[in-house]
Amino acid sequence: MTTIDTATITVELTDAFDPRWNRLPGIQVDGRRITIDPAEYFFRFESSTWLVADWELVKAQLLDVDESTESAVEQLALNFIKNHGESTSDAARVLATASGVYSYLFREEHLAGLGLPQITADHLRMLREAATLMALNKVELDGHISNVGPCWFFPAATSVVFDLDDETGGMLDEVYHGGWFNEHRRIESIKAHAALGGRLVHGCQSVPDQSGGVVAPYGASMANFRDDLAESTAGWIEQVYAHRVTAAE
């Protein structure tokens, strides 16, 4: 593992996290308080800076703006990031921002229109928690993956933390990276992710691939991103699954 020297990350969020996150190394959850030891938690941790924009500002100035024939939603998001994005080394700020983003994207009002009756409000909570932690992952403009934590591999991490079977974990992964299979929600996602400095991209073709995803900056090299993923993912996924709790335990 590659890591830089960095302090422990501590944040108090609005909502309590499931205590079973403690099954993964390097993370401690005590209600709303989350503590992360980067040296133990990450498989690769080479950068302690992230690009963020104020979530309240995104809500006020971007979420209700419509695209036009001259300015697509992606351009709206890119312009917003250029005007309001800030580099921060405060990982707690990143997590707090992500908590706001994913509380919005995975809100219960969407359940009725999702078309997946097996997805419950509890599943949305799982999505919110895992996606919040995924915000610490990072891809550089040259496509190099600089930060990788266990939540990069969504089905593996959720199977460990929430005791999900492979089918349910894969289904949640599809909901996470599929924009909820709906153009309206994809547009919501593009706008909301401006608060995390980019757009949500994935290296996988489908659930069985499980190559994961990240909020990447606009302009990042997807070719290099794909190549970097191909070299490393299998070993990392195995390490996540190693913490799975069996029935005998």
C-alpha atoms as a PDB file:
ATOM      1  CA  MET A   1       0.000   0.000   0.000  1.00  0.00           C
ATOM      2  CA  THR A   2       1.052   3.539  -0.763  1.00  0.00           C
ATOM      3  CA  THR A   3       0.193   6.170   1.825  1.00  0.00           C
ATOM      4  CA  ILE A   4       1.287   9.628   2.833  1.00  0.00           C
ATOM      5  CA  ASP A   5       1.739  10.722   6.400  1.00  0.00           C
ATOM      6  CA  THR A   6      -1.509  12.237   7.564  1.00  0.00           C
ATOM      7  CA  ALA A   7      -3.489  12.771  10.710  1.00  0.00           C
ATOM      8  CA  THR A   8      -6.495  10.772  11.804  1.00  0.00           C
ATOM      9  CA  ILE A   9      -9.731  11.925  10.169  1.00  0.00           C
ATOM     10  CA  THR A  10     -12.596  12.691  12.545  1.00  0.00           C
ATOM     11  CA  VAL A  11     -16.045  14.020  11.675  1.00  0.00           C
ATOM     12  CA  GLU A  12     -19.466  14.288  13.283  1.00  0.00           C
ATOM     13  CA  LEU A  13     -22.252  13.962  10.766  1.00  0.00           C
ATOM     14  CA  THR A  14     -25.938  14.795  10.979  1.00  0.00           C
ATOM     15  CA  ASP A  15     -27.053  11.161  11.049  1.00  0.00           C
ATOM     16  CA  ALA A  16     -25.625   8.165  12.893  1.00  0.00           C
ATOM     17  CA  PHE A  17     -23.845   5.486  10.874  1.00  0.00           C
ATOM     18  CA  ASP A  18     -24.333   1.749  11.256  1.00  0.00           C
ATOM     19  CA  PRO A  19     -21.861   0.439  13.877  1.00  0.00           C
ATOM     20  CA  ARG A  20     -21.001  -2.493  11.620  1.00  0.00           C
ATOM     21  CA  TRP A  21     -18.664  -0.172   9.696  1.00  0.00           C
ATOM     22  CA  ASN A  22     -16.262  -1.062  12.508  1.00  0.00           C
ATOM     23  CA  ARG A  23     -15.759  -4.421  10.810  1.00  0.00           C
ATOM     24  CA  LEU A  24     -13.474  -2.736   8.291  1.00  0.00           C
ATOM     25  CA  PRO A  25      -9.936  -1.868   9.375  1.00  0.00           C
ATOM     26  CA  GLY A  26      -9.084   1.738  10.100  1.00  0.00           C
ATOM     27  CA  ILE A  27     -12.613   3.044  10.661  1.00  0.00           C
ATOM     28  CA  GLN A  28     -14.438   3.537  13.947  1.00  0.00           C
ATOM     29  CA  VAL A  29     -18.089   4.530  14.088  1.00  0.00           C
ATOM     30  CA  ASP A  30     -19.682   5.761  17.284  1.00  0.00           C
ATOM     31  CA  GLY A  31     -23.106   7.074  16.386  1.00  0.00           C
ATOM     32  CA  ARG A  32     -22.657  10.253  14.363  1.00  0.00           C
ATOM     33  CA  ARG A  33     -18.907  10.343  15.045  1.00  0.00           C
ATOM     34  CA  ILE A  34     -16.621   8.692  12.494  1.00  0.00           C
ATOM     35  CA  THR A  35     -12.873   8.272  12.947  1.00  0.00           C
ATOM     36  CA  ILE A  36     -10.632   7.055  10.136  1.00  0.00           C
ATOM     37  CA  ASP A  37      -6.951   6.094  10.321  1.00  0.00           C
ATOM     38  CA  PRO A  38      -5.816   6.589   6.710  1.00  0.00           C
ATOM     39  CA  ALA A  39      -2.836   4.247   7.064  1.00  0.00           C
ATOM     40  CA  GLU A  40      -5.141   1.346   7.988  1.00  0.00           C
ATOM     41  CA  TYR A  41      -8.282   2.273   6.078  1.00  0.00           C
ATOM     42  CA  PHE A  42      -6.987   3.031   2.576  1.00  0.00           C
ATOM     43  CA  PHE A  43      -5.389   0.648   0.101  1.00  0.00           C
ATOM     44  CA  ARG A  44      -3.771   3.642  -1.546  1.00  0.00           C
ATOM     45  CA  PHE A  45      -3.630   7.127  -0.049  1.00  0.00           C
ATOM     46  CA  GLU A  46      -1.419   9.528  -1.947  1.00  0.00           C
ATOM     47  CA  SER A  47      -3.348  12.773  -1.694  1.00  0.00           C
ATOM     48  CA  SER A  48      -4.832  14.614   1.264  1.00  0.00           C
ATOM     49  CA  THR A  49      -6.490  17.390  -0.727  1.00  0.00           C
ATOM     50  CA  TRP A  50      -9.901  17.383  -2.363  1.00  0.00           C
ATOM     51  CA  LEU A  51     -11.934  19.782  -4.476  1.00  0.00           C
ATOM     52  CA  VAL A  52     -15.261  20.791  -2.950  1.00  0.00           C
ATOM     53  CA  ALA A  53     -17.894  23.482  -3.245  1.00  0.00           C
ATOM     54  CA  ASP A  54     -20.239  24.638  -0.526  1.00  0.00           C
ATOM     55  CA  TRP A  55     -23.280  22.349  -0.528  1.00  0.00           C
ATOM     56  CA  GLU A  56     -25.635  25.117   0.592  1.00  0.00           C
ATOM     57  CA  LEU A  57     -24.439  27.188  -2.359  1.00  0.00           C
ATOM     58  CA  VAL A  58     -25.008  24.269  -4.739  1.00  0.00           C
ATOM     59  CA  LYS A  59     -28.546  23.920  -3.417  1.00  0.00           C
ATOM     60  CA  ALA A  60     -29.225  27.637  -3.760  1.00  0.00           C
ATOM     61  CA  GLN A  61     -27.562  28.369  -7.093  1.00  0.00           C
ATOM     62  CA  LEU A  62     -27.328  25.159  -9.134  1.00  0.00           C
ATOM     63  CA  LEU A  63     -29.913  22.507  -8.321  1.00  0.00           C
ATOM     64  CA  ASP A  64     -32.826  24.467  -9.790  1.00  0.00           C
ATOM     65  CA  VAL A  65     -30.994  25.737 -12.874  1.00  0.00           C
ATOM     66  CA  ASP A  66     -32.145  24.121 -16.126  1.00  0.00           C
ATOM     67  CA  GLU A  67     -29.892  23.262 -19.030  1.00  0.00           C
ATOM     68  CA  SER A  68     -30.480  24.889 -22.394  1.00  0.00           C
ATOM     69  CA  THR A  69     -29.528  24.354 -26.019  1.00  0.00           C
ATOM     70  CA  GLU A  70     -26.467  26.501 -25.359  1.00  0.00           C
ATOM     71  CA  SER A  71     -25.438  25.064 -21.993  1.00  0.00           C
ATOM     72  CA  ALA A  72     -25.784  21.378 -21.134  1.00  0.00           C
ATOM     73  CA  VAL A  73     -26.101  20.319 -17.502  1.00  0.00           C
ATOM     74  CA  GLU A  74     -22.493  19.116 -17.509  1.00  0.00           C
ATOM     75  CA  GLN A  75     -21.363  22.567 -18.599  1.00  0.00           C
ATOM     76  CA  LEU A  76     -23.450  24.162 -15.857  1.00  0.00           C
ATOM     77  CA  ALA A  77     -21.752  21.932 -13.296  1.00  0.00           C
ATOM     78  CA  LEU A  78     -18.288  22.566 -14.717  1.00  0.00           C
ATOM     79  CA  ASN A  79     -18.792  26.325 -14.675  1.00  0.00           C
ATOM     80  CA  PHE A  80     -20.047  26.167 -11.109  1.00  0.00           C
ATOM     81  CA  ILE A  81     -16.989  24.200 -10.004  1.00  0.00           C
ATOM     82  CA  LYS A  82     -14.675  26.661 -11.768  1.00  0.00           C
ATOM     83  CA  ASN A  83     -16.355  29.588 -10.014  1.00  0.00           C
ATOM     84  CA  HIS A  84     -16.915  28.110  -6.570  1.00  0.00           C
ATOM     85  CA  GLY A  85     -14.673  25.058  -6.159  1.00  0.00           C
ATOM     86  CA  GLU A  86     -12.081  25.137  -3.383  1.00  0.00           C
ATOM     87  CA  SER A  87      -9.163  22.871  -2.632  1.00  0.00           C
ATOM     88  CA  THR A  88      -9.296  21.583   0.924  1.00  0.00           C
ATOM     89  CA  SER A  89      -7.130  19.327   3.069  1.00  0.00           C
ATOM     90  CA  ASP A  90      -9.973  19.013   5.602  1.00  0.00           C
ATOM     91  CA  ALA A  91     -11.264  15.477   5.070  1.00  0.00           C
ATOM     92  CA  ALA A  92     -14.023  16.102   7.605  1.00  0.00           C
ATOM     93  CA  ARG A  93     -15.357  18.855   5.349  1.00  0.00           C
ATOM     94  CA  VAL A  94     -15.349  16.446   2.413  1.00  0.00           C
ATOM     95  CA  LEU A  95     -17.314  13.860   4.382  1.00  0.00           C
ATOM     96  CA  ALA A  96     -19.799  16.431   5.671  1.00  0.00           C
ATOM     97  CA  THR A  97     -20.306  17.750   2.147  1.00  0.00           C
ATOM     98  CA  ALA A  98     -20.780  14.227   0.810  1.00  0.00           C
ATOM     99  CA  SER A  99     -23.301  13.475   3.534  1.00  0.00           C
ATOM    100  CA  GLY A 100     -25.390  16.396   2.319  1.00  0.00           C
ATOM    101  CA  VAL A 101     -25.049  15.377  -1.324  1.00  0.00           C
ATOM    102  CA  TYR A 102     -26.102  11.779  -0.781  1.00  0.00           C
ATOM    103  CA  SER A 103     -28.870  12.582   1.675  1.00  0.00           C
ATOM    104  CA  TYR A 104     -30.310  14.586  -1.202  1.00  0.00           C
ATOM    105  CA  LEU A 105     -29.676  12.069  -3.980  1.00  0.00           C
ATOM    106  CA  PHE A 106     -30.897   9.032  -2.027  1.00  0.00           C
ATOM    107  CA  ARG A 107     -33.964  10.574  -0.441  1.00  0.00           C
ATOM    108  CA  GLU A 108     -37.001   8.448   0.223  1.00  0.00           C
ATOM    109  CA  GLU A 109     -39.338  10.350  -2.070  1.00  0.00           C
ATOM    110  CA  HIS A 110     -37.637   8.628  -5.017  1.00  0.00           C
ATOM    111  CA  LEU A 111     -38.597   5.132  -3.861  1.00  0.00           C
ATOM    112  CA  ALA A 112     -42.066   5.189  -5.422  1.00  0.00           C
ATOM    113  CA  GLY A 113     -40.732   5.944  -8.889  1.00  0.00           C
ATOM    114  CA  LEU A 114     -37.641   3.748  -8.823  1.00  0.00           C
ATOM    115  CA  GLY A 115     -39.391   0.678 -10.206  1.00  0.00           C
ATOM    116  CA  LEU A 116     -37.544  -1.605  -7.791  1.00  0.00           C
ATOM    117  CA  PRO A 117     -39.998  -2.502  -5.013  1.00  0.00           C
ATOM    118  CA  GLN A 118     -37.331  -4.568  -3.271  1.00  0.00           C
ATOM    119  CA  ILE A 119     -35.334  -1.399  -2.517  1.00  0.00           C
ATOM    120  CA  THR A 120     -36.333  -0.025   0.886  1.00  0.00           C
ATOM    121  CA  ALA A 121     -35.669   3.092   2.912  1.00  0.00           C
ATOM    122  CA  ASP A 122     -33.081   1.076   4.835  1.00  0.00           C
ATOM    123  CA  HIS A 123     -31.281   0.329   1.579  1.00  0.00           C
ATOM    124  CA  LEU A 124     -31.190   4.055   0.860  1.00  0.00           C
ATOM    125  CA  ARG A 125     -29.506   4.587   4.221  1.00  0.00           C
ATOM    126  CA  MET A 126     -26.856   2.026   3.247  1.00  0.00           C
ATOM    127  CA  LEU A 127     -26.321   3.864  -0.033  1.00  0.00           C
ATOM    128  CA  ARG A 128     -25.982   7.207   1.741  1.00  0.00           C
ATOM    129  CA  GLU A 129     -23.418   5.895   4.206  1.00  0.00           C
ATOM    130  CA  ALA A 130     -21.244   4.039   1.697  1.00  0.00           C
ATOM    131  CA  ALA A 131     -21.349   6.864  -0.840  1.00  0.00           C
ATOM    132  CA  THR A 132     -20.372   9.402   1.832  1.00  0.00           C
ATOM    133  CA  LEU A 133     -17.226   7.421   2.634  1.00  0.00           C
ATOM    134  CA  MET A 134     -16.478   6.970  -1.069  1.00  0.00           C
ATOM    135  CA  ALA A 135     -16.044  10.731  -1.364  1.00  0.00           C
ATOM    136  CA  LEU A 136     -12.534  10.393   0.086  1.00  0.00           C
ATOM    137  CA  ASN A 137     -11.488   8.351  -2.949  1.00  0.00           C
ATOM    138  CA  LYS A 138      -9.727  10.423  -5.566  1.00  0.00           C
ATOM    139  CA  VAL A 139      -8.658  10.437  -9.205  1.00  0.00           C
ATOM    140  CA  GLU A 140      -6.164  12.955 -10.554  1.00  0.00           C
ATOM    141  CA  LEU A 141      -6.523  14.852 -13.828  1.00  0.00           C
ATOM    142  CA  ASP A 142      -4.033  12.499 -15.496  1.00  0.00           C
ATOM    143  CA  GLY A 143      -6.340   9.574 -14.611  1.00  0.00           C
ATOM    144  CA  HIS A 144      -4.132   8.182 -11.850  1.00  0.00           C
ATOM    145  CA  ILE A 145      -6.100   6.844  -8.897  1.00  0.00           C
ATOM    146  CA  SER A 146      -4.517   8.477  -5.866  1.00  0.00           C
ATOM    147  CA  ASN A 147      -6.895   7.398  -3.070  1.00  0.00           C
ATOM    148  CA  VAL A 148      -8.670   4.042  -2.796  1.00  0.00           C
ATOM    149  CA  GLY A 149     -10.626   2.881   0.247  1.00  0.00           C
ATOM    150  CA  PRO A 150     -12.770  -0.236   0.705  1.00  0.00           C
ATOM    151  CA  CYS A 151     -15.955   1.601  -0.329  1.00  0.00           C
ATOM    152  CA  TRP A 152     -14.512   1.886  -3.820  1.00  0.00           C
ATOM    153  CA  PHE A 153     -15.795  -1.683  -4.206  1.00  0.00           C
ATOM    154  CA  PHE A 154     -19.400  -1.071  -3.326  1.00  0.00           C
ATOM    155  CA  PRO A 155     -20.853  -4.630  -3.366  1.00  0.00           C
ATOM    156  CA  ALA A 156     -17.897  -6.000  -1.410  1.00  0.00           C
ATOM    157  CA  ALA A 157     -17.998  -3.268   1.238  1.00  0.00           C
ATOM    158  CA  THR A 158     -21.770  -3.450   1.683  1.00  0.00           C
ATOM    159  CA  SER A 159     -21.663  -7.228   1.973  1.00  0.00           C
ATOM    160  CA  VAL A 160     -19.163  -6.908   4.830  1.00  0.00           C
ATOM    161  CA  VAL A 161     -20.884  -4.048   6.653  1.00  0.00           C
ATOM    162  CA  PHE A 162     -24.553  -4.801   6.079  1.00  0.00           C
ATOM    163  CA  ASP A 163     -24.483  -8.597   5.662  1.00  0.00           C
ATOM    164  CA  LEU A 164     -25.972  -8.336   2.179  1.00  0.00           C
ATOM    165  CA  ASP A 165     -25.944 -11.270  -0.179  1.00  0.00           C
ATOM    166  CA  ASP A 166     -24.268 -10.820  -3.540  1.00  0.00           C
ATOM    167  CA  GLU A 167     -27.525 -10.257  -5.408  1.00  0.00           C
ATOM    168  CA  THR A 168     -28.734  -7.490  -3.107  1.00  0.00           C
ATOM    169  CA  GLY A 169     -25.308  -5.855  -2.968  1.00  0.00           C
ATOM    170  CA  GLY A 170     -25.122  -5.883  -6.747  1.00  0.00           C
ATOM    171  CA  MET A 171     -28.598  -4.420  -7.044  1.00  0.00           C
ATOM    172  CA  LEU A 172     -27.675  -1.552  -4.737  1.00  0.00           C
ATOM    173  CA  ASP A 173     -24.522  -0.987  -6.753  1.00  0.00           C
ATOM    174  CA  GLU A 174     -26.659  -0.604  -9.874  1.00  0.00           C
ATOM    175  CA  VAL A 175     -28.870   1.915  -8.106  1.00  0.00           C
ATOM    176  CA  TYR A 176     -25.767   3.810  -6.974  1.00  0.00           C
ATOM    177  CA  HIS A 177     -23.980   4.113 -10.284  1.00  0.00           C
ATOM    178  CA  GLY A 178     -26.977   3.865 -12.614  1.00  0.00           C
ATOM    179  CA  GLY A 179     -28.308   7.324 -11.825  1.00  0.00           C
ATOM    180  CA  TRP A 180     -31.378   5.448 -10.615  1.00  0.00           C
ATOM    181  CA  PHE A 181     -31.971   4.474 -14.266  1.00  0.00           C
ATOM    182  CA  ASN A 182     -33.669   7.764 -14.969  1.00  0.00           C
ATOM    183  CA  GLU A 183     -32.532  10.863 -16.841  1.00  0.00           C
ATOM    184  CA  HIS A 184     -34.123  13.233 -14.333  1.00  0.00           C
ATOM    185  CA  ARG A 185     -32.158  11.663 -11.489  1.00  0.00           C
ATOM    186  CA  ARG A 186     -28.984  11.570 -13.585  1.00  0.00           C
ATOM    187  CA  ILE A 187     -29.285  15.322 -14.016  1.00  0.00           C
ATOM    188  CA  GLU A 188     -29.793  15.673 -10.268  1.00  0.00           C
ATOM    189  CA  SER A 189     -26.642  13.635  -9.734  1.00  0.00           C
ATOM    190  CA  ILE A 190     -24.528  15.763 -12.078  1.00  0.00           C
ATOM    191  CA  LYS A 191     -25.590  18.962 -10.339  1.00  0.00           C
ATOM    192  CA  ALA A 192     -25.241  17.601  -6.803  1.00  0.00           C
ATOM    193  CA  HIS A 193     -21.791  16.152  -7.430  1.00  0.00           C
ATOM    194  CA  ALA A 194     -20.516  19.635  -8.252  1.00  0.00           C
ATOM    195  CA  ALA A 195     -20.253  19.981  -4.466  1.00  0.00           C
ATOM    196  CA  LEU A 196     -17.629  17.217  -4.583  1.00  0.00           C
ATOM    197  CA  GLY A 197     -15.728  18.835  -7.416  1.00  0.00           C
ATOM    198  CA  GLY A 198     -16.617  16.592 -10.338  1.00  0.00           C
ATOM    199  CA  ARG A 199     -18.870  13.920 -11.754  1.00  0.00           C
ATOM    200  CA  LEU A 200     -19.522  10.344 -10.721  1.00  0.00           C
ATOM    201  CA  VAL A 201     -17.694   7.941 -13.063  1.00  0.00           C
ATOM    202  CA  HIS A 202     -17.291   4.176 -13.007  1.00  0.00           C
ATOM    203  CA  GLY A 203     -14.703   1.794 -14.275  1.00  0.00           C
ATOM    204  CA  CYS A 204     -17.068  -1.172 -14.397  1.00  0.00           C
ATOM    205  CA  GLN A 205     -19.291  -2.440 -17.173  1.00  0.00           C
ATOM    206  CA  SER A 206     -21.813  -3.986 -14.812  1.00  0.00           C
ATOM    207  CA  VAL A 207     -22.194  -5.459 -11.327  1.00  0.00           C
ATOM    208  CA  PRO A 208     -20.039  -8.599 -11.831  1.00  0.00           C
ATOM    209  CA  ASP A 209     -17.084  -6.450 -12.882  1.00  0.00           C
ATOM    210  CA  GLN A 210     -17.045  -4.476  -9.599  1.00  0.00           C
ATOM    211  CA  SER A 211     -14.295  -2.133 -10.727  1.00  0.00           C
ATOM    212  CA  GLY A 212     -15.817   0.671  -8.717  1.00  0.00           C
ATOM    213  CA  GLY A 213     -16.253   4.345  -9.218  1.00  0.00           C
ATOM    214  CA  VAL A 214     -15.281   7.746  -7.956  1.00  0.00           C
ATOM    215  CA  VAL A 215     -16.196  11.413  -8.206  1.00  0.00           C
ATOM    216  CA  ALA A 216     -13.620  12.450 -10.800  1.00  0.00           C
ATOM    217  CA  PRO A 217     -12.726  15.966 -11.890  1.00  0.00           C
ATOM    218  CA  TYR A 218     -14.007  17.057 -15.274  1.00  0.00           C
ATOM    219  CA  GLY A 219     -11.234  16.521 -17.793  1.00  0.00           C
ATOM    220  CA  ALA A 220      -9.651  13.529 -16.034  1.00  0.00           C
ATOM    221  CA  SER A 221      -8.175  10.946 -18.405  1.00  0.00           C
ATOM    222  CA  MET A 222     -10.605   8.038 -18.477  1.00  0.00           C
ATOM    223  CA  ALA A 223      -8.171   5.917 -20.485  1.00  0.00           C
ATOM    224  CA  ASN A 224      -5.515   6.134 -17.776  1.00  0.00           C
ATOM    225  CA  PHE A 225      -8.188   5.669 -15.099  1.00  0.00           C
ATOM    226  CA  ARG A 226      -9.288   2.412 -16.761  1.00  0.00           C
ATOM    227  CA  ASP A 227      -5.714   1.154 -17.049  1.00  0.00           C
ATOM    228  CA  ASP A 228      -4.895   1.949 -13.413  1.00  0.00           C
ATOM    229  CA  LEU A 229      -8.016   0.084 -12.264  1.00  0.00           C
ATOM    230  CA  ALA A 230      -7.151  -2.979 -14.324  1.00  0.00           C
ATOM    231  CA  GLU A 231      -3.783  -3.367 -12.601  1.00  0.00           C
ATOM    232  CA  SER A 232      -4.932  -3.375  -8.997  1.00  0.00           C
ATOM    233  CA  THR A 233      -8.575  -4.101  -8.292  1.00  0.00           C
ATOM    234  CA  ALA A 234      -8.594  -7.883  -7.853  1.00  0.00           C
ATOM    235  CA  GLY A 235      -6.284  -7.879  -4.831  1.00  0.00           C
ATOM    236  CA  TRP A 236      -8.095  -4.995  -3.183  1.00  0.00           C
ATOM    237  CA  ILE A 237     -11.493  -6.654  -3.570  1.00  0.00           C
ATOM    238  CA  GLU A 238     -10.165  -9.828  -1.940  1.00  0.00           C
ATOM    239  CA  GLN A 239      -8.954  -7.787   1.036  1.00  0.00           C
ATOM    240  CA  VAL A 240     -12.404  -6.262   1.518  1.00  0.00           C
ATOM    241  CA  TYR A 241     -14.157  -9.637   1.363  1.00  0.00           C
ATOM    242  CA  ALA A 242     -11.709 -11.026   3.911  1.00  0.00           C
ATOM    243  CA  HIS A 243     -13.596  -9.080   6.583  1.00  0.00           C
ATOM    244  CA  ARG A 244     -16.946 -10.650   5.775  1.00  0.00           C
ATOM    245  CA  VAL A 245     -18.694 -12.119   8.801  1.00  0.00           C
ATOM    246  CA  THR A 246     -19.886 -15.697   8.288  1.00  0.00           C
ATOM    247  CA  ALA A 247     -22.898 -17.298   9.919  1.00  0.00           C
ATOM    248  CA  ALA A 248     -20.623 -19.372  12.147  1.00  0.00           C
ATOM    249  CA  GLU A 249     -19.180 -16.180  13.630  1.00  0.00           C
END
